[in-house]
Each structure stands twice: as C-alpha cells, then as structure tokens.
PDB file of N, CA and C in Angstrom:
ATOM      1  N   MET A   1       0.964  -1.015  -0.018  1.00  0.00           N
ATOM      2  CA  MET A   1      -0.331  -0.175   0.073  1.00  0.00           C
ATOM      3  C   MET A   1       1.120   1.003  -0.251  1.00  0.00           C
ATOM      4  N   ILE A   2       2.375   1.301   0.719  1.00  0.00           N
ATOM      5  CA  ILE A   2       2.750   2.603   1.021  1.00  0.00           C
ATOM      6  C   ILE A   2       3.393   2.698  -0.730  1.00  0.00           C
ATOM      7  N   GLY A   3       3.839   1.427  -1.302  1.00  0.00           N
ATOM      8  CA  GLY A   3       4.511   1.795  -2.527  1.00  0.00           C
ATOM      9  C   GLY A   3       3.369   2.576  -3.161  1.00  0.00           C
ATOM     10  N   VAL A   4       2.546   1.841  -3.584  1.00  0.00           N
ATOM     11  CA  VAL A   4       1.329   2.272  -4.839  1.00  0.00           C
ATOM     12  C   VAL A   4       0.927   3.750  -4.238  1.00  0.00           C
ATOM     13  N   GLN A   5       0.873   4.025  -3.130  1.00  0.00           N
ATOM     14  CA  GLN A   5       0.182   5.426  -2.654  1.00  0.00           C
ATOM     15  C   GLN A   5       1.932   6.695  -3.087  1.00  0.00           C
ATOM     16  N   TYR A   6       2.979   6.037  -2.939  1.00  0.00           N
ATOM     17  CA  TYR A   6       4.027   6.884  -3.166  1.00  0.00           C
ATOM     18  C   TYR A   6       4.066   7.049  -4.707  1.00  0.00           C
ATOM     19  N   ALA A   7       4.028   5.872  -5.093  1.00  0.00           N
ATOM     20  CA  ALA A   7       4.169   5.971  -6.761  1.00  0.00           C
ATOM     21  C   ALA A   7       3.504   7.066  -7.741  1.00  0.00           C
ATOM     22  N   ALA A   8       1.777   6.786  -6.839  1.00  0.00           N
ATOM     23  CA  ALA A   8       0.784   7.546  -7.382  1.00  0.00           C
ATOM     24  C   ALA A   8       0.634   9.137  -7.083  1.00  0.00           C
ATOM     25  N   CYS A   9       1.205   9.254  -5.629  1.00  0.00           N
ATOM     26  CA  CYS A   9       1.216  10.522  -5.229  1.00  0.00           C
ATOM     27  C   CYS A   9       2.545  11.504  -4.835  1.00  0.00           C
ATOM     28  N   GLY A  10       3.391  10.395  -5.010  1.00  0.00           N
ATOM     29  CA  GLY A  10       4.520  11.251  -5.002  1.00  0.00           C
ATOM     30  C   GLY A  10       5.122  11.318  -3.540  1.00  0.00           C
ATOM     31  N   VAL A  11       4.282  11.064  -2.124  1.00  0.00           N
ATOM     32  CA  VAL A  11       4.496  11.610  -0.915  1.00  0.00           C
ATOM     33  C   VAL A  11       4.218  10.480  -0.084  1.00  0.00           C
ATOM     34  N   LEU A  12       4.727  10.590   1.459  1.00  0.00           N
ATOM     35  CA  LEU A  12       4.267   9.289   1.958  1.00  0.00           C
ATOM     36  C   LEU A  12       3.454  10.019   3.193  1.00  0.00           C
ATOM     37  N   ASP A  13       2.694   9.472   3.669  1.00  0.00           N
ATOM     38  CA  ASP A  13       1.864   9.500   4.556  1.00  0.00           C
ATOM     39  C   ASP A  13       1.989   8.706   5.541  1.00  0.00           C
ATOM     40  N   ALA A  14       1.751   9.350   6.799  1.00  0.00           N
ATOM     41  CA  ALA A  14       1.978   8.598   8.056  1.00  0.00           C
ATOM     42  C   ALA A  14       0.396   7.419   8.328  1.00  0.00           C
ATOM     43  N   ARG A  15      -0.349   7.976   7.718  1.00  0.00           N
ATOM     44  CA  ARG A  15      -1.990   7.456   7.758  1.00  0.00           C
ATOM     45  C   ARG A  15      -1.918   6.042   7.080  1.00  0.00           C
ATOM     46  N   ILE A  16      -1.468   6.037   6.164  1.00  0.00           N
ATOM     47  CA  ILE A  16      -1.211   4.985   5.302  1.00  0.00           C
ATOM     48  C   ILE A  16       0.117   4.205   5.533  1.00  0.00           C
ATOM     49  N   LEU A  17       0.942   4.848   6.436  1.00  0.00           N
ATOM     50  CA  LEU A  17       1.742   3.644   7.335  1.00  0.00           C
ATOM     51  C   LEU A  17       1.230   3.052   8.261  1.00  0.00           C
ATOM     52  N   LEU A  18       0.649   3.655   8.629  1.00  0.00           N
ATOM     53  CA  LEU A  18      -0.174   2.845  10.062  1.00  0.00           C
ATOM     54  C   LEU A  18      -1.739   1.748   9.126  1.00  0.00           C
ATOM     55  N   THR A  19      -2.139   2.504   8.644  1.00  0.00           N
ATOM     56  CA  THR A  19      -2.665   1.424   7.589  1.00  0.00           C
ATOM     57  C   THR A  19      -2.149  -0.374   7.230  1.00  0.00           C
ATOM     58  N   SER A  20      -1.199   0.473   6.854  1.00  0.00           N
ATOM     59  CA  SER A  20      -0.410  -0.981   6.097  1.00  0.00           C
ATOM     60  C   SER A  20       0.317  -1.600   6.688  1.00  0.00           C
ATOM     61  N   THR A  21       1.085  -1.224   8.016  1.00  0.00           N
ATOM     62  CA  THR A  21       1.484  -1.471   9.095  1.00  0.00           C
ATOM     63  C   THR A  21       0.048  -2.799   9.693  1.00  0.00           C
ATOM     64  N   ALA A  22      -0.965  -2.162   9.728  1.00  0.00           N
ATOM     65  CA  ALA A  22      -2.161  -3.133  10.564  1.00  0.00           C
ATOM     66  C   ALA A  22      -2.400  -4.281   9.582  1.00  0.00           C
ATOM     67  N   MET A  23      -2.669  -3.980   8.720  1.00  0.00           N
ATOM     68  CA  MET A  23      -2.684  -4.745   7.525  1.00  0.00           C
ATOM     69  C   MET A  23      -1.865  -5.904   7.462  1.00  0.00           C
ATOM     70  N   GLY A  24      -0.479  -5.582   7.255  1.00  0.00           N
ATOM     71  CA  GLY A  24       0.685  -6.225   7.238  1.00  0.00           C
ATOM     72  C   GLY A  24       0.566  -7.591   8.595  1.00  0.00           C
ATOM     73  N   LEU A  25       0.084  -7.073   9.726  1.00  0.00           N
ATOM     74  CA  LEU A  25       0.521  -7.505  11.208  1.00  0.00           C
ATOM     75  C   LEU A  25      -1.348  -8.873  11.191  1.00  0.00           C
ATOM     76  N   LEU A  26      -2.001  -8.134  10.441  1.00  0.00           N
ATOM     77  CA  LEU A  26      -3.531  -9.111   9.964  1.00  0.00           C
ATOM     78  C   LEU A  26      -2.866 -10.451   9.277  1.00  0.00           C
ATOM     79  N   VAL A  27      -2.298 -10.207   7.853  1.00  0.00           N
ATOM     80  CA  VAL A  27      -2.126 -11.113   7.149  1.00  0.00           C
ATOM     81  C   VAL A  27      -0.863 -12.196   7.878  1.00  0.00           C
ATOM     82  N   THR A  28       0.285 -11.722   8.619  1.00  0.00           N
ATOM     83  CA  THR A  28       1.234 -12.403   9.294  1.00  0.00           C
ATOM     84  C   THR A  28       0.542 -13.778  10.643  1.00  0.00           C
ATOM     85  N   ASN A  29      -0.607 -13.001  11.009  1.00  0.00           N
ATOM     86  CA  ASN A  29      -1.224 -13.801  11.998  1.00  0.00           C
ATOM     87  C   ASN A  29      -1.651 -15.004  11.108  1.00  0.00           C
ATOM     88  N   ILE A  30      -2.581 -14.527  10.153  1.00  0.00           N
ATOM     89  CA  ILE A  30      -3.414 -15.447   9.415  1.00  0.00           C
ATOM     90  C   ILE A  30      -2.876 -16.590   9.346  1.00  0.00           C
ATOM     91  N   LEU A  31      -1.512 -16.421   8.247  1.00  0.00           N
ATOM     92  CA  LEU A  31      -0.840 -17.118   7.749  1.00  0.00           C
ATOM     93  C   LEU A  31       0.044 -18.172   8.876  1.00  0.00           C
ATOM     94  N   TYR A  32       0.376 -17.248   9.856  1.00  0.00           N
ATOM     95  CA  TYR A  32       0.900 -18.320  11.090  1.00  0.00           C
ATOM     96  C   TYR A  32      -0.122 -19.114  11.442  1.00  0.00           C
ATOM     97  N   SER A  33      -1.165 -18.779  12.136  1.00  0.00           N
ATOM     98  CA  SER A  33      -2.488 -19.775  12.542  1.00  0.00           C
ATOM     99  C   SER A  33      -2.590 -20.920  11.063  1.00  0.00           C
ATOM    100  N   HIS A  34      -2.379 -20.627  10.265  1.00  0.00           N
ATOM    101  CA  HIS A  34      -2.471 -21.694   9.323  1.00  0.00           C
ATOM    102  C   HIS A  34      -1.991 -22.522   9.274  1.00  0.00           C
ATOM    103  N   SER A  35      -0.686 -21.823   9.583  1.00  0.00           N
ATOM    104  CA  SER A  35       0.610 -22.919   9.193  1.00  0.00           C
ATOM    105  C   SER A  35       0.827 -24.100  10.712  1.00  0.00           C
ATOM    106  N   VAL A  36       0.153 -23.611  11.851  1.00  0.00           N
ATOM    107  CA  VAL A  36      -0.096 -23.961  13.048  1.00  0.00           C
ATOM    108  C   VAL A  36      -1.088 -25.432  12.981  1.00  0.00           C
ATOM    109  N   LEU A  37      -2.066 -24.628  12.302  1.00  0.00           N
ATOM    110  CA  LEU A  37      -3.278 -26.019  11.638  1.00  0.00           C
ATOM    111  C   LEU A  37      -2.707 -27.047  11.147  1.00  0.00           C
ATOM    112  N   ASP A  38      -1.594 -27.163  10.010  1.00  0.00           N
ATOM    113  CA  ASP A  38      -1.240 -27.754   8.937  1.00  0.00           C
ATOM    114  C   ASP A  38       0.064 -28.434   9.468  1.00  0.00           C
ATOM    115  N   ARG A  39       0.437 -28.129  10.870  1.00  0.00           N
ATOM    116  CA  ARG A  39       1.773 -28.678  11.135  1.00  0.00           C
ATOM    117  C   ARG A  39       2.033 -29.914  11.297  1.00  0.00           C
ATOM    118  N   GLN A  40       1.291 -30.925  11.522  1.00  0.00           N
ATOM    119  CA  GLN A  40       1.156 -32.408  11.324  1.00  0.00           C
ATOM    120  C   GLN A  40       1.256 -32.544  10.015  1.00  0.00           C
ATOM    121  N   ALA A  41       0.205 -32.783   8.967  1.00  0.00           N
ATOM    122  CA  ALA A  41       0.325 -32.795   7.711  1.00  0.00           C
ATOM    123  C   ALA A  41       2.002 -32.303   6.871  1.00  0.00           C
ATOM    124  N   ASP A  42       1.969 -31.078   7.702  1.00  0.00           N
ATOM    125  CA  ASP A  42       3.722 -30.907   7.451  1.00  0.00           C
ATOM    126  C   ASP A  42       4.883 -31.724   7.422  1.00  0.00           C
ATOM    127  N   ALA A  43       4.795 -32.100   8.554  1.00  0.00           N
ATOM    128  CA  ALA A  43       5.932 -33.078   9.396  1.00  0.00           C
ATOM    129  C   ALA A  43       5.615 -34.093   8.258  1.00  0.00           C
ATOM    130  N   ARG A  44       4.688 -34.836   8.693  1.00  0.00           N
ATOM    131  CA  ARG A  44       4.525 -36.060   7.496  1.00  0.00           C
ATOM    132  C   ARG A  44       5.171 -35.593   6.009  1.00  0.00           C
ATOM    133  N   MET A  45       4.730 -34.732   5.261  1.00  0.00           N
ATOM    134  CA  MET A  45       5.616 -34.420   3.938  1.00  0.00           C
ATOM    135  C   MET A  45       6.844 -33.648   3.973  1.00  0.00           C
ATOM    136  N   ASP A  46       7.430 -33.864   5.096  1.00  0.00           N
ATOM    137  CA  ASP A  46       8.897 -33.260   5.377  1.00  0.00           C
ATOM    138  C   ASP A  46       8.665 -32.031   4.695  1.00  0.00           C
ATOM    139  N   LYS A  47       8.200 -31.175   4.998  1.00  0.00           N
ATOM    140  CA  LYS A  47       7.930 -29.683   4.632  1.00  0.00           C
ATOM    141  C   LYS A  47       8.577 -28.991   6.119  1.00  0.00           C
ATOM    142  N   THR A  48       9.359 -27.766   5.627  1.00  0.00           N
ATOM    143  CA  THR A  48       9.877 -27.162   6.808  1.00  0.00           C
ATOM    144  C   THR A  48       9.216 -25.652   6.303  1.00  0.00           C
ATOM    145  N   THR A  49       8.248 -25.806   8.241  1.00  0.00           N
ATOM    146  CA  THR A  49       7.557 -24.456   7.944  1.00  0.00           C
ATOM    147  C   THR A  49       7.937 -24.001   9.351  1.00  0.00           C
ATOM    148  N   LEU A  50       7.271 -22.489   9.660  1.00  0.00           N
ATOM    149  CA  LEU A  50       7.895 -21.625  10.817  1.00  0.00           C
ATOM    150  C   LEU A  50       7.486 -22.363  12.157  1.00  0.00           C
ATOM    151  N   ALA A  51       5.944 -22.796  11.975  1.00  0.00           N
ATOM    152  CA  ALA A  51       5.472 -23.684  13.200  1.00  0.00           C
ATOM    153  C   ALA A  51       6.188 -24.705  13.356  1.00  0.00           C
ATOM    154  N   LEU A  52       6.975 -25.919  12.360  1.00  0.00           N
ATOM    155  CA  LEU A  52       7.713 -27.023  12.603  1.00  0.00           C
ATOM    156  C   LEU A  52       9.124 -26.403  13.427  1.00  0.00           C
ATOM    157  N   LEU A  53       9.469 -25.139  12.999  1.00  0.00           N
ATOM    158  CA  LEU A  53      10.894 -24.778  13.220  1.00  0.00           C
ATOM    159  C   LEU A  53      10.511 -24.190  14.827  1.00  0.00           C
ATOM    160  N   LEU A  54       9.603 -23.688  15.277  1.00  0.00           N
ATOM    161  CA  LEU A  54       9.133 -23.030  16.442  1.00  0.00           C
ATOM    162  C   LEU A  54       8.798 -24.025  17.154  1.00  0.00           C
ATOM    163  N   ASP A  55       8.241 -25.286  17.411  1.00  0.00           N
ATOM    164  CA  ASP A  55       7.916 -26.436  17.770  1.00  0.00           C
ATOM    165  C   ASP A  55       8.639 -27.428  18.622  1.00  0.00           C
ATOM    166  N   LYS A  56       9.661 -27.396  19.313  1.00  0.00           N
ATOM    167  CA  LYS A  56      10.788 -27.887  19.845  1.00  0.00           C
ATOM    168  C   LYS A  56      10.625 -29.462  20.197  1.00  0.00           C
ATOM    169  N   ARG A  57       9.147 -30.032  20.457  1.00  0.00           N
ATOM    170  CA  ARG A  57       8.844 -31.084  20.845  1.00  0.00           C
ATOM    171  C   ARG A  57       7.867 -31.800  19.629  1.00  0.00           C
ATOM    172  N   GLY A  58       8.426 -31.626  18.558  1.00  0.00           N
ATOM    173  CA  GLY A  58       7.687 -32.340  17.616  1.00  0.00           C
ATOM    174  C   GLY A  58       6.200 -31.854  17.193  1.00  0.00           C
ATOM    175  N   PRO A  59       5.932 -32.689  16.005  1.00  0.00           N
ATOM    176  CA  PRO A  59       4.933 -32.313  15.189  1.00  0.00           C
ATOM    177  C   PRO A  59       3.360 -32.575  15.711  1.00  0.00           C
ATOM    178  N   SER A  60       3.113 -32.260  17.615  1.00  0.00           N
ATOM    179  CA  SER A  60       1.979 -32.490  17.925  1.00  0.00           C
ATOM    180  C   SER A  60       0.901 -31.421  17.636  1.00  0.00           C
ATOM    181  N   PHE A  61      -0.539 -31.518  17.710  1.00  0.00           N
ATOM    182  CA  PHE A  61      -1.130 -30.068  17.592  1.00  0.00           C
ATOM    183  C   PHE A  61      -1.843 -30.395  19.233  1.00  0.00           C
ATOM    184  N   SER A  62      -1.828 -29.254  19.758  1.00  0.00           N
ATOM    185  CA  SER A  62      -2.855 -28.367  20.884  1.00  0.00           C
ATOM    186  C   SER A  62      -3.527 -27.562  20.472  1.00  0.00           C
ATOM    187  N   PRO A  63      -4.680 -27.612  20.490  1.00  0.00           N
ATOM    188  CA  PRO A  63      -5.486 -26.473  19.962  1.00  0.00           C
ATOM    189  C   PRO A  63      -5.855 -25.670  21.044  1.00  0.00           C
ATOM    190  N   ARG A  64      -5.416 -25.843  22.194  1.00  0.00           N
ATOM    191  CA  ARG A  64      -5.491 -24.865  23.274  1.00  0.00           C
ATOM    192  C   ARG A  64      -4.259 -23.909  22.902  1.00  0.00           C
ATOM    193  N   ARG A  65      -3.107 -24.357  22.795  1.00  0.00           N
ATOM    194  CA  ARG A  65      -2.135 -23.367  22.515  1.00  0.00           C
ATOM    195  C   ARG A  65      -2.327 -22.651  20.959  1.00  0.00           C
ATOM    196  N   CYS A  66      -3.029 -23.205  20.127  1.00  0.00           N
ATOM    197  CA  CYS A  66      -3.026 -22.644  18.813  1.00  0.00           C
ATOM    198  C   CYS A  66      -4.052 -21.899  18.747  1.00  0.00           C
ATOM    199  N   SER A  67      -5.151 -21.966  20.188  1.00  0.00           N
ATOM    200  CA  SER A  67      -6.504 -20.587  19.935  1.00  0.00           C
ATOM    201  C   SER A  67      -5.735 -19.543  21.066  1.00  0.00           C
ATOM    202  N   THR A  68      -4.806 -20.005  21.742  1.00  0.00           N
ATOM    203  CA  THR A  68      -3.726 -18.723  22.571  1.00  0.00           C
ATOM    204  C   THR A  68      -3.338 -18.532  21.731  1.00  0.00           C
ATOM    205  N   SER A  69      -2.225 -18.488  20.933  1.00  0.00           N
ATOM    206  CA  SER A  69      -1.552 -17.958  20.132  1.00  0.00           C
ATOM    207  C   SER A  69      -2.441 -17.166  18.960  1.00  0.00           C
ATOM    208  N   CYS A  70      -3.491 -17.443  18.813  1.00  0.00           N
ATOM    209  CA  CYS A  70      -4.302 -16.520  17.776  1.00  0.00           C
ATOM    210  C   CYS A  70      -5.148 -15.697  18.802  1.00  0.00           C
ATOM    211  N   LEU A  71      -5.376 -15.596  19.950  1.00  0.00           N
ATOM    212  CA  LEU A  71      -6.143 -14.923  20.763  1.00  0.00           C
ATOM    213  C   LEU A  71      -4.810 -13.613  21.077  1.00  0.00           C
ATOM    214  N   LEU A  72      -3.634 -14.336  21.142  1.00  0.00           N
ATOM    215  CA  LEU A  72      -2.502 -13.153  21.357  1.00  0.00           C
ATOM    216  C   LEU A  72      -2.489 -11.983  21.087  1.00  0.00           C
ATOM    217  N   SER A  73      -2.310 -13.006  19.240  1.00  0.00           N
ATOM    218  CA  SER A  73      -1.993 -11.843  17.821  1.00  0.00           C
ATOM    219  C   SER A  73      -2.780 -10.997  17.932  1.00  0.00           C
TER     220      SER A  73
END
C-alpha cells in the first residue's frame, strides 16, 4: 500500500504507513495460524515451516496452544 501511494502521489503519509502496518500484521497472523493448524501434515511430508521450526517437541497439535496464540496476536 505504501509503494502504490508513493508512486501515485509522490509523498508518504503516516496514515497509509499505519494502515499498511496493521494490514501486514493481520495477514502475518492468518498465515501463522494456518501453518500451526497444518503442522502435522507438513511434518509427514517433510516440509519445513515456521510452526515446525518453533515447535521443539515435534509435530503435535494442541488446540489450546493454537487458540491462545491466535488470541494473543
């Protein structure tokens, strides 16, 4: 959003920066939540995802931990 606004108007606006940051954090939260939900299947397929790298105990699913991380983000 920042790049499009700068290309179109030639200036940077703090409101666009704030909106872009909020939107980016929301998308990051959605992507991370989905990687946590798919972590068992990813482990079976030998995919390396952020959820598997952060999980030190191996590919086990904990709905409580997933919902807690989703609520905190």
